[in-house]
Amino acid sequence: MGARETLGLLAILAVPLGDALAQGADQPDEAKFSYTRAADQPILELSYEGGMIADRDPTPYIRVYGDGRAVIHRPVYMKDAGEFELQLSPEELENLLATFAQPQLLTLEPGRLAAMAAEVQAEAGPVELPGDHGVTANVDVRLERVAPDTASAPALLDVDRRISLPTAAVEAGARAPIEPLQDFAAGIRQLEALAERPELVKLPDN
């Protein structure tokens, strides 16, 4: 092949090659986490246990489903009791999940988060919350995959994890310079904020 033919072939190949490089540059990074979009599968649940209320309602206070639907359950002993529904936008759902989809939070050994909070409370002094009475906050996190913090670590698959802390420890953790505590406290606040949204729609009583 002569020099002219070679240059012509390179010119032809340069267009698709350039397009391919441009497309590669526009590709987003690998998702940090993934989850089911099923409308009947809760992927986040916030519940409370303990305290002074006898026969506490076991139904989770807040359930967030894979399609972005959030259901807020107010027991009979709460003001404005009943179930309320809210539809989160895809961006809102992603931001909410991102708070909990942290490998350093999801891989902590049982009790380690509570130990971290206890250390913070010992240094800062006890935190007393109105009406606390030893209430524990539980968050159930269900994700299909969570990317690792480092390239050498494996991804977390089929995550189904309950994370629990006394509410006083959550409050102390929100002010602590410890990321797992901050992430957990921030996530609970985001979940609780859903119950205050003005666009909540009350569901018919069963």
C-alpha atoms as a PDB file:
ATOM      1  CA  MET A   1       0.000   0.000   0.000  1.00  0.00           C
ATOM      2  CA  GLY A   2       1.356   3.394  -0.988  1.00  0.00           C
ATOM      3  CA  ALA A   3       1.774   6.395   1.279  1.00  0.00           C
ATOM      4  CA  ARG A   4      -1.327   8.129  -0.157  1.00  0.00           C
ATOM      5  CA  GLU A   5      -3.530   5.058   0.422  1.00  0.00           C
ATOM      6  CA  THR A   6      -2.184   4.676   3.957  1.00  0.00           C
ATOM      7  CA  LEU A   7      -2.980   8.294   4.831  1.00  0.00           C
ATOM      8  CA  GLY A   8      -6.461   7.880   3.380  1.00  0.00           C
ATOM      9  CA  LEU A   9      -7.134   4.781   5.497  1.00  0.00           C
ATOM     10  CA  LEU A  10      -5.923   6.539   8.662  1.00  0.00           C
ATOM     11  CA  ALA A  11      -8.216   9.462   7.929  1.00  0.00           C
ATOM     12  CA  ILE A  12     -11.199   7.120   7.633  1.00  0.00           C
ATOM     13  CA  LEU A  13     -10.328   5.319  10.874  1.00  0.00           C
ATOM     14  CA  ALA A  14      -9.723   8.560  12.756  1.00  0.00           C
ATOM     15  CA  VAL A  15     -13.416   9.539  12.752  1.00  0.00           C
ATOM     16  CA  PRO A  16     -14.845   6.471  14.521  1.00  0.00           C
ATOM     17  CA  LEU A  17     -11.807   6.297  16.793  1.00  0.00           C
ATOM     18  CA  GLY A  18     -12.319   9.907  17.824  1.00  0.00           C
ATOM     19  CA  ASP A  19     -16.019   9.275  18.375  1.00  0.00           C
ATOM     20  CA  ALA A  20     -15.243   6.258  20.514  1.00  0.00           C
ATOM     21  CA  LEU A  21     -12.807   8.226  22.661  1.00  0.00           C
ATOM     22  CA  ALA A  22     -15.316  11.017  23.079  1.00  0.00           C
ATOM     23  CA  GLN A  23     -18.026   8.565  24.075  1.00  0.00           C
ATOM     24  CA  GLY A  24     -15.701   6.936  26.585  1.00  0.00           C
ATOM     25  CA  ALA A  25     -14.913  10.296  28.118  1.00  0.00           C
ATOM     26  CA  ASP A  26     -18.628  10.960  28.584  1.00  0.00           C
ATOM     27  CA  GLN A  27     -19.347   7.655  30.292  1.00  0.00           C
ATOM     28  CA  PRO A  28     -20.229   8.105  33.999  1.00  0.00           C
ATOM     29  CA  ASP A  29     -18.195   6.438  36.718  1.00  0.00           C
ATOM     30  CA  GLU A  30     -19.402   3.074  37.939  1.00  0.00           C
ATOM     31  CA  ALA A  31     -22.396   3.484  40.212  1.00  0.00           C
ATOM     32  CA  LYS A  32     -21.492   3.645  43.883  1.00  0.00           C
ATOM     33  CA  PHE A  33     -24.477   1.452  44.752  1.00  0.00           C
ATOM     34  CA  SER A  34     -27.445  -0.314  43.181  1.00  0.00           C
ATOM     35  CA  TYR A  35     -30.848  -1.363  44.494  1.00  0.00           C
ATOM     36  CA  THR A  36     -34.076  -2.985  43.390  1.00  0.00           C
ATOM     37  CA  ARG A  37     -36.712  -0.744  41.824  1.00  0.00           C
ATOM     38  CA  ALA A  38     -39.528  -3.044  42.962  1.00  0.00           C
ATOM     39  CA  ALA A  39     -42.588  -1.216  44.238  1.00  0.00           C
ATOM     40  CA  ASP A  40     -43.210  -3.806  46.968  1.00  0.00           C
ATOM     41  CA  GLN A  41     -39.658  -4.059  48.332  1.00  0.00           C
ATOM     42  CA  PRO A  42     -38.643  -1.670  51.135  1.00  0.00           C
ATOM     43  CA  ILE A  43     -34.987  -0.758  50.805  1.00  0.00           C
ATOM     44  CA  LEU A  44     -34.853   1.559  53.834  1.00  0.00           C
ATOM     45  CA  GLU A  45     -36.835   1.275  57.042  1.00  0.00           C
ATOM     46  CA  LEU A  46     -36.699   3.413  60.171  1.00  0.00           C
ATOM     47  CA  SER A  47     -38.218   2.045  63.364  1.00  0.00           C
ATOM     48  CA  TYR A  48     -38.001   2.754  67.081  1.00  0.00           C
ATOM     49  CA  GLU A  49     -38.135   0.429  70.058  1.00  0.00           C
ATOM     50  CA  GLY A  50     -37.915   0.701  73.815  1.00  0.00           C
ATOM     51  CA  GLY A  51     -38.969   3.712  75.808  1.00  0.00           C
ATOM     52  CA  MET A  52     -41.926   4.163  78.137  1.00  0.00           C
ATOM     53  CA  ILE A  53     -44.720   3.242  75.701  1.00  0.00           C
ATOM     54  CA  ALA A  54     -46.292  -0.113  76.459  1.00  0.00           C
ATOM     55  CA  ASP A  55     -47.156  -2.315  73.485  1.00  0.00           C
ATOM     56  CA  ARG A  56     -45.274  -0.136  71.043  1.00  0.00           C
ATOM     57  CA  ASP A  57     -46.469  -0.508  67.447  1.00  0.00           C
ATOM     58  CA  PRO A  58     -43.903  -2.745  65.649  1.00  0.00           C
ATOM     59  CA  THR A  59     -44.700  -1.304  62.206  1.00  0.00           C
ATOM     60  CA  PRO A  60     -41.698   0.705  60.920  1.00  0.00           C
ATOM     61  CA  TYR A  61     -42.174   4.434  61.263  1.00  0.00           C
ATOM     62  CA  ILE A  62     -40.870   5.073  57.749  1.00  0.00           C
ATOM     63  CA  ARG A  63     -40.511   2.686  54.813  1.00  0.00           C
ATOM     64  CA  VAL A  64     -38.886   3.681  51.531  1.00  0.00           C
ATOM     65  CA  TYR A  65     -39.465   1.419  48.537  1.00  0.00           C
ATOM     66  CA  GLY A  66     -37.377   0.793  45.445  1.00  0.00           C
ATOM     67  CA  ASP A  67     -39.683   2.812  43.203  1.00  0.00           C
ATOM     68  CA  GLY A  68     -39.231   5.923  45.389  1.00  0.00           C
ATOM     69  CA  ARG A  69     -42.468   5.601  47.325  1.00  0.00           C
ATOM     70  CA  ALA A  70     -42.195   6.441  51.021  1.00  0.00           C
ATOM     71  CA  VAL A  71     -44.801   5.379  53.583  1.00  0.00           C
ATOM     72  CA  ILE A  72     -44.961   7.070  56.978  1.00  0.00           C
ATOM     73  CA  HIS A  73     -46.777   5.152  59.709  1.00  0.00           C
ATOM     74  CA  ARG A  74     -47.990   7.139  62.706  1.00  0.00           C
ATOM     75  CA  PRO A  75     -49.252   4.791  65.454  1.00  0.00           C
ATOM     76  CA  VAL A  76     -52.485   5.417  67.322  1.00  0.00           C
ATOM     77  CA  TYR A  77     -50.587   7.009  70.204  1.00  0.00           C
ATOM     78  CA  MET A  78     -49.161   9.695  67.915  1.00  0.00           C
ATOM     79  CA  LYS A  79     -50.861  12.885  66.848  1.00  0.00           C
ATOM     80  CA  ASP A  80     -52.540  12.600  63.432  1.00  0.00           C
ATOM     81  CA  ALA A  81     -52.313   8.807  63.432  1.00  0.00           C
ATOM     82  CA  GLY A  82     -52.521   6.821  60.220  1.00  0.00           C
ATOM     83  CA  GLU A  83     -50.434   6.016  57.164  1.00  0.00           C
ATOM     84  CA  PHE A  84     -49.219   8.658  54.759  1.00  0.00           C
ATOM     85  CA  GLU A  85     -47.552   8.363  51.367  1.00  0.00           C
ATOM     86  CA  LEU A  86     -44.968  10.425  49.548  1.00  0.00           C
ATOM     87  CA  GLN A  87     -43.291   9.952  46.154  1.00  0.00           C
ATOM     88  CA  LEU A  88     -39.593  10.761  46.048  1.00  0.00           C
ATOM     89  CA  SER A  89     -37.921  11.872  42.853  1.00  0.00           C
ATOM     90  CA  PRO A  90     -35.111   9.631  41.554  1.00  0.00           C
ATOM     91  CA  GLU A  91     -32.581  12.230  42.693  1.00  0.00           C
ATOM     92  CA  GLU A  92     -34.077  12.428  46.182  1.00  0.00           C
ATOM     93  CA  LEU A  93     -34.030   8.653  46.509  1.00  0.00           C
ATOM     94  CA  GLU A  94     -30.419   8.426  45.309  1.00  0.00           C
ATOM     95  CA  ASN A  95     -29.311  11.127  47.761  1.00  0.00           C
ATOM     96  CA  LEU A  96     -31.082   9.407  50.634  1.00  0.00           C
ATOM     97  CA  LEU A  97     -29.576   6.010  49.842  1.00  0.00           C
ATOM     98  CA  ALA A  98     -26.109   7.481  49.332  1.00  0.00           C
ATOM     99  CA  THR A  99     -26.014   8.528  52.985  1.00  0.00           C
ATOM    100  CA  PHE A 100     -26.296   4.896  54.101  1.00  0.00           C
ATOM    101  CA  ALA A 101     -24.435   3.248  51.186  1.00  0.00           C
ATOM    102  CA  GLN A 102     -21.055   3.720  52.867  1.00  0.00           C
ATOM    103  CA  PRO A 103     -18.858   0.607  53.204  1.00  0.00           C
ATOM    104  CA  GLN A 104     -17.304   1.884  56.424  1.00  0.00           C
ATOM    105  CA  LEU A 105     -20.786   2.095  57.971  1.00  0.00           C
ATOM    106  CA  LEU A 106     -22.194  -1.122  56.535  1.00  0.00           C
ATOM    107  CA  THR A 107     -19.180  -3.278  57.431  1.00  0.00           C
ATOM    108  CA  LEU A 108     -18.811  -2.240  61.068  1.00  0.00           C
ATOM    109  CA  GLU A 109     -18.913  -5.165  63.472  1.00  0.00           C
ATOM    110  CA  PRO A 110     -22.073  -5.343  65.596  1.00  0.00           C
ATOM    111  CA  GLY A 111     -21.731  -3.047  68.567  1.00  0.00           C
ATOM    112  CA  ARG A 112     -18.830  -1.068  67.144  1.00  0.00           C
ATOM    113  CA  LEU A 113     -20.968   1.925  66.189  1.00  0.00           C
ATOM    114  CA  ALA A 114     -22.468   1.973  69.686  1.00  0.00           C
ATOM    115  CA  ALA A 115     -18.955   1.811  71.148  1.00  0.00           C
ATOM    116  CA  MET A 116     -17.918   4.803  69.043  1.00  0.00           C
ATOM    117  CA  ALA A 117     -20.973   6.726  70.228  1.00  0.00           C
ATOM    118  CA  ALA A 118     -20.269   5.775  73.854  1.00  0.00           C
ATOM    119  CA  GLU A 119     -16.748   7.175  73.565  1.00  0.00           C
ATOM    120  CA  VAL A 120     -18.112  10.424  72.154  1.00  0.00           C
ATOM    121  CA  GLN A 121     -20.717  10.663  74.902  1.00  0.00           C
ATOM    122  CA  ALA A 122     -18.093  10.036  77.573  1.00  0.00           C
ATOM    123  CA  GLU A 123     -16.031  12.947  76.276  1.00  0.00           C
ATOM    124  CA  ALA A 124     -18.901  15.356  75.612  1.00  0.00           C
ATOM    125  CA  GLY A 125     -21.109  14.419  78.536  1.00  0.00           C
ATOM    126  CA  PRO A 126     -24.559  12.795  78.470  1.00  0.00           C
ATOM    127  CA  VAL A 127     -27.180  14.046  76.066  1.00  0.00           C
ATOM    128  CA  GLU A 128     -30.737  14.180  77.370  1.00  0.00           C
ATOM    129  CA  LEU A 129     -33.527  14.289  74.819  1.00  0.00           C
ATOM    130  CA  PRO A 130     -37.118  15.187  75.713  1.00  0.00           C
ATOM    131  CA  GLY A 131     -39.170  12.016  75.931  1.00  0.00           C
ATOM    132  CA  ASP A 132     -36.187   9.785  75.095  1.00  0.00           C
ATOM    133  CA  HIS A 133     -36.444   7.239  77.941  1.00  0.00           C
ATOM    134  CA  GLY A 134     -34.011   4.812  76.350  1.00  0.00           C
ATOM    135  CA  VAL A 135     -35.490   4.692  72.850  1.00  0.00           C
ATOM    136  CA  THR A 136     -33.385   2.941  70.194  1.00  0.00           C
ATOM    137  CA  ALA A 137     -33.429   3.903  66.517  1.00  0.00           C
ATOM    138  CA  ASN A 138     -33.140   1.069  63.984  1.00  0.00           C
ATOM    139  CA  VAL A 139     -32.433   1.473  60.284  1.00  0.00           C
ATOM    140  CA  ASP A 140     -32.717  -1.497  57.935  1.00  0.00           C
ATOM    141  CA  VAL A 141     -30.687  -1.050  54.745  1.00  0.00           C
ATOM    142  CA  ARG A 142     -31.199  -3.345  51.733  1.00  0.00           C
ATOM    143  CA  LEU A 143     -29.043  -2.773  48.676  1.00  0.00           C
ATOM    144  CA  GLU A 144     -28.040  -5.048  45.824  1.00  0.00           C
ATOM    145  CA  ARG A 145     -24.480  -3.768  45.600  1.00  0.00           C
ATOM    146  CA  VAL A 146     -22.226  -1.172  47.206  1.00  0.00           C
ATOM    147  CA  ALA A 147     -18.907  -0.287  45.577  1.00  0.00           C
ATOM    148  CA  PRO A 148     -15.818  -0.579  47.810  1.00  0.00           C
ATOM    149  CA  ASP A 149     -13.866   2.380  49.142  1.00  0.00           C
ATOM    150  CA  THR A 150     -10.661   1.104  47.542  1.00  0.00           C
ATOM    151  CA  ALA A 151      -9.926  -0.808  44.346  1.00  0.00           C
ATOM    152  CA  SER A 152      -8.426  -3.713  46.307  1.00  0.00           C
ATOM    153  CA  ALA A 153     -11.533  -4.316  48.421  1.00  0.00           C
ATOM    154  CA  PRO A 154     -14.479  -6.414  47.214  1.00  0.00           C
ATOM    155  CA  ALA A 155     -17.888  -4.895  46.567  1.00  0.00           C
ATOM    156  CA  LEU A 156     -20.632  -5.501  49.105  1.00  0.00           C
ATOM    157  CA  LEU A 157     -23.356  -7.683  47.595  1.00  0.00           C
ATOM    158  CA  ASP A 158     -26.922  -8.380  48.744  1.00  0.00           C
ATOM    159  CA  VAL A 159     -26.670  -5.967  51.656  1.00  0.00           C
ATOM    160  CA  ASP A 160     -29.372  -6.569  54.288  1.00  0.00           C
ATOM    161  CA  ARG A 161     -28.195  -4.836  57.419  1.00  0.00           C
ATOM    162  CA  ARG A 162     -29.856  -3.445  60.541  1.00  0.00           C
ATOM    163  CA  ILE A 163     -27.998  -0.609  62.247  1.00  0.00           C
ATOM    164  CA  SER A 164     -29.145   0.416  65.722  1.00  0.00           C
ATOM    165  CA  LEU A 165     -28.247   3.144  68.173  1.00  0.00           C
ATOM    166  CA  PRO A 166     -29.934   4.766  71.170  1.00  0.00           C
ATOM    167  CA  THR A 167     -31.432   8.066  70.058  1.00  0.00           C
ATOM    168  CA  ALA A 168     -29.246   9.927  72.560  1.00  0.00           C
ATOM    169  CA  ALA A 169     -26.185   8.338  70.926  1.00  0.00           C
ATOM    170  CA  VAL A 170     -27.479   9.356  67.484  1.00  0.00           C
ATOM    171  CA  GLU A 171     -27.699  12.954  68.694  1.00  0.00           C
ATOM    172  CA  ALA A 172     -24.172  12.815  70.092  1.00  0.00           C
ATOM    173  CA  GLY A 173     -22.889  11.152  66.913  1.00  0.00           C
ATOM    174  CA  ALA A 174     -24.243  13.952  64.752  1.00  0.00           C
ATOM    175  CA  ARG A 175     -21.713  16.298  66.376  1.00  0.00           C
ATOM    176  CA  ALA A 176     -18.795  13.862  66.387  1.00  0.00           C
ATOM    177  CA  PRO A 177     -15.962  14.013  63.826  1.00  0.00           C
ATOM    178  CA  ILE A 178     -16.429  10.296  63.086  1.00  0.00           C
ATOM    179  CA  GLU A 179     -17.816   9.559  59.630  1.00  0.00           C
ATOM    180  CA  PRO A 180     -19.867   6.401  60.370  1.00  0.00           C
ATOM    181  CA  LEU A 181     -21.631   8.202  63.226  1.00  0.00           C
ATOM    182  CA  GLN A 182     -22.171  11.307  61.129  1.00  0.00           C
ATOM    183  CA  ASP A 183     -23.507   9.263  58.198  1.00  0.00           C
ATOM    184  CA  PHE A 184     -25.941   7.343  60.394  1.00  0.00           C
ATOM    185  CA  ALA A 185     -27.188  10.452  62.186  1.00  0.00           C
ATOM    186  CA  ALA A 186     -27.567  12.342  58.891  1.00  0.00           C
ATOM    187  CA  GLY A 187     -29.483   9.446  57.353  1.00  0.00           C
ATOM    188  CA  ILE A 188     -31.922   9.279  60.260  1.00  0.00           C
ATOM    189  CA  ARG A 189     -32.537  13.010  60.015  1.00  0.00           C
ATOM    190  CA  GLN A 190     -33.225  12.673  56.287  1.00  0.00           C
ATOM    191  CA  LEU A 191     -35.684   9.866  56.935  1.00  0.00           C
ATOM    192  CA  GLU A 192     -37.435  11.725  59.744  1.00  0.00           C
ATOM    193  CA  ALA A 193     -37.714  14.815  57.535  1.00  0.00           C
ATOM    194  CA  LEU A 194     -39.894  12.809  55.139  1.00  0.00           C
ATOM    195  CA  ALA A 195     -42.594  12.695  57.817  1.00  0.00           C
ATOM    196  CA  GLU A 196     -42.729  16.500  57.832  1.00  0.00           C
ATOM    197  CA  ARG A 197     -43.145  17.009  54.102  1.00  0.00           C
ATOM    198  CA  PRO A 198     -46.228  19.106  53.236  1.00  0.00           C
ATOM    199  CA  GLU A 199     -47.132  16.949  50.215  1.00  0.00           C
ATOM    200  CA  LEU A 200     -47.866  13.845  52.307  1.00  0.00           C
ATOM    201  CA  VAL A 201     -51.099  12.116  51.292  1.00  0.00           C
ATOM    202  CA  LYS A 202     -53.061  10.202  53.917  1.00  0.00           C
ATOM    203  CA  LEU A 203     -53.933   6.656  52.888  1.00  0.00           C
ATOM    204  CA  PRO A 204     -57.395   5.208  53.554  1.00  0.00           C
ATOM    205  CA  ASP A 205     -57.708   3.200  56.749  1.00  0.00           C
ATOM    206  CA  ASN A 206     -57.741  -0.534  56.221  1.00  0.00           C
END
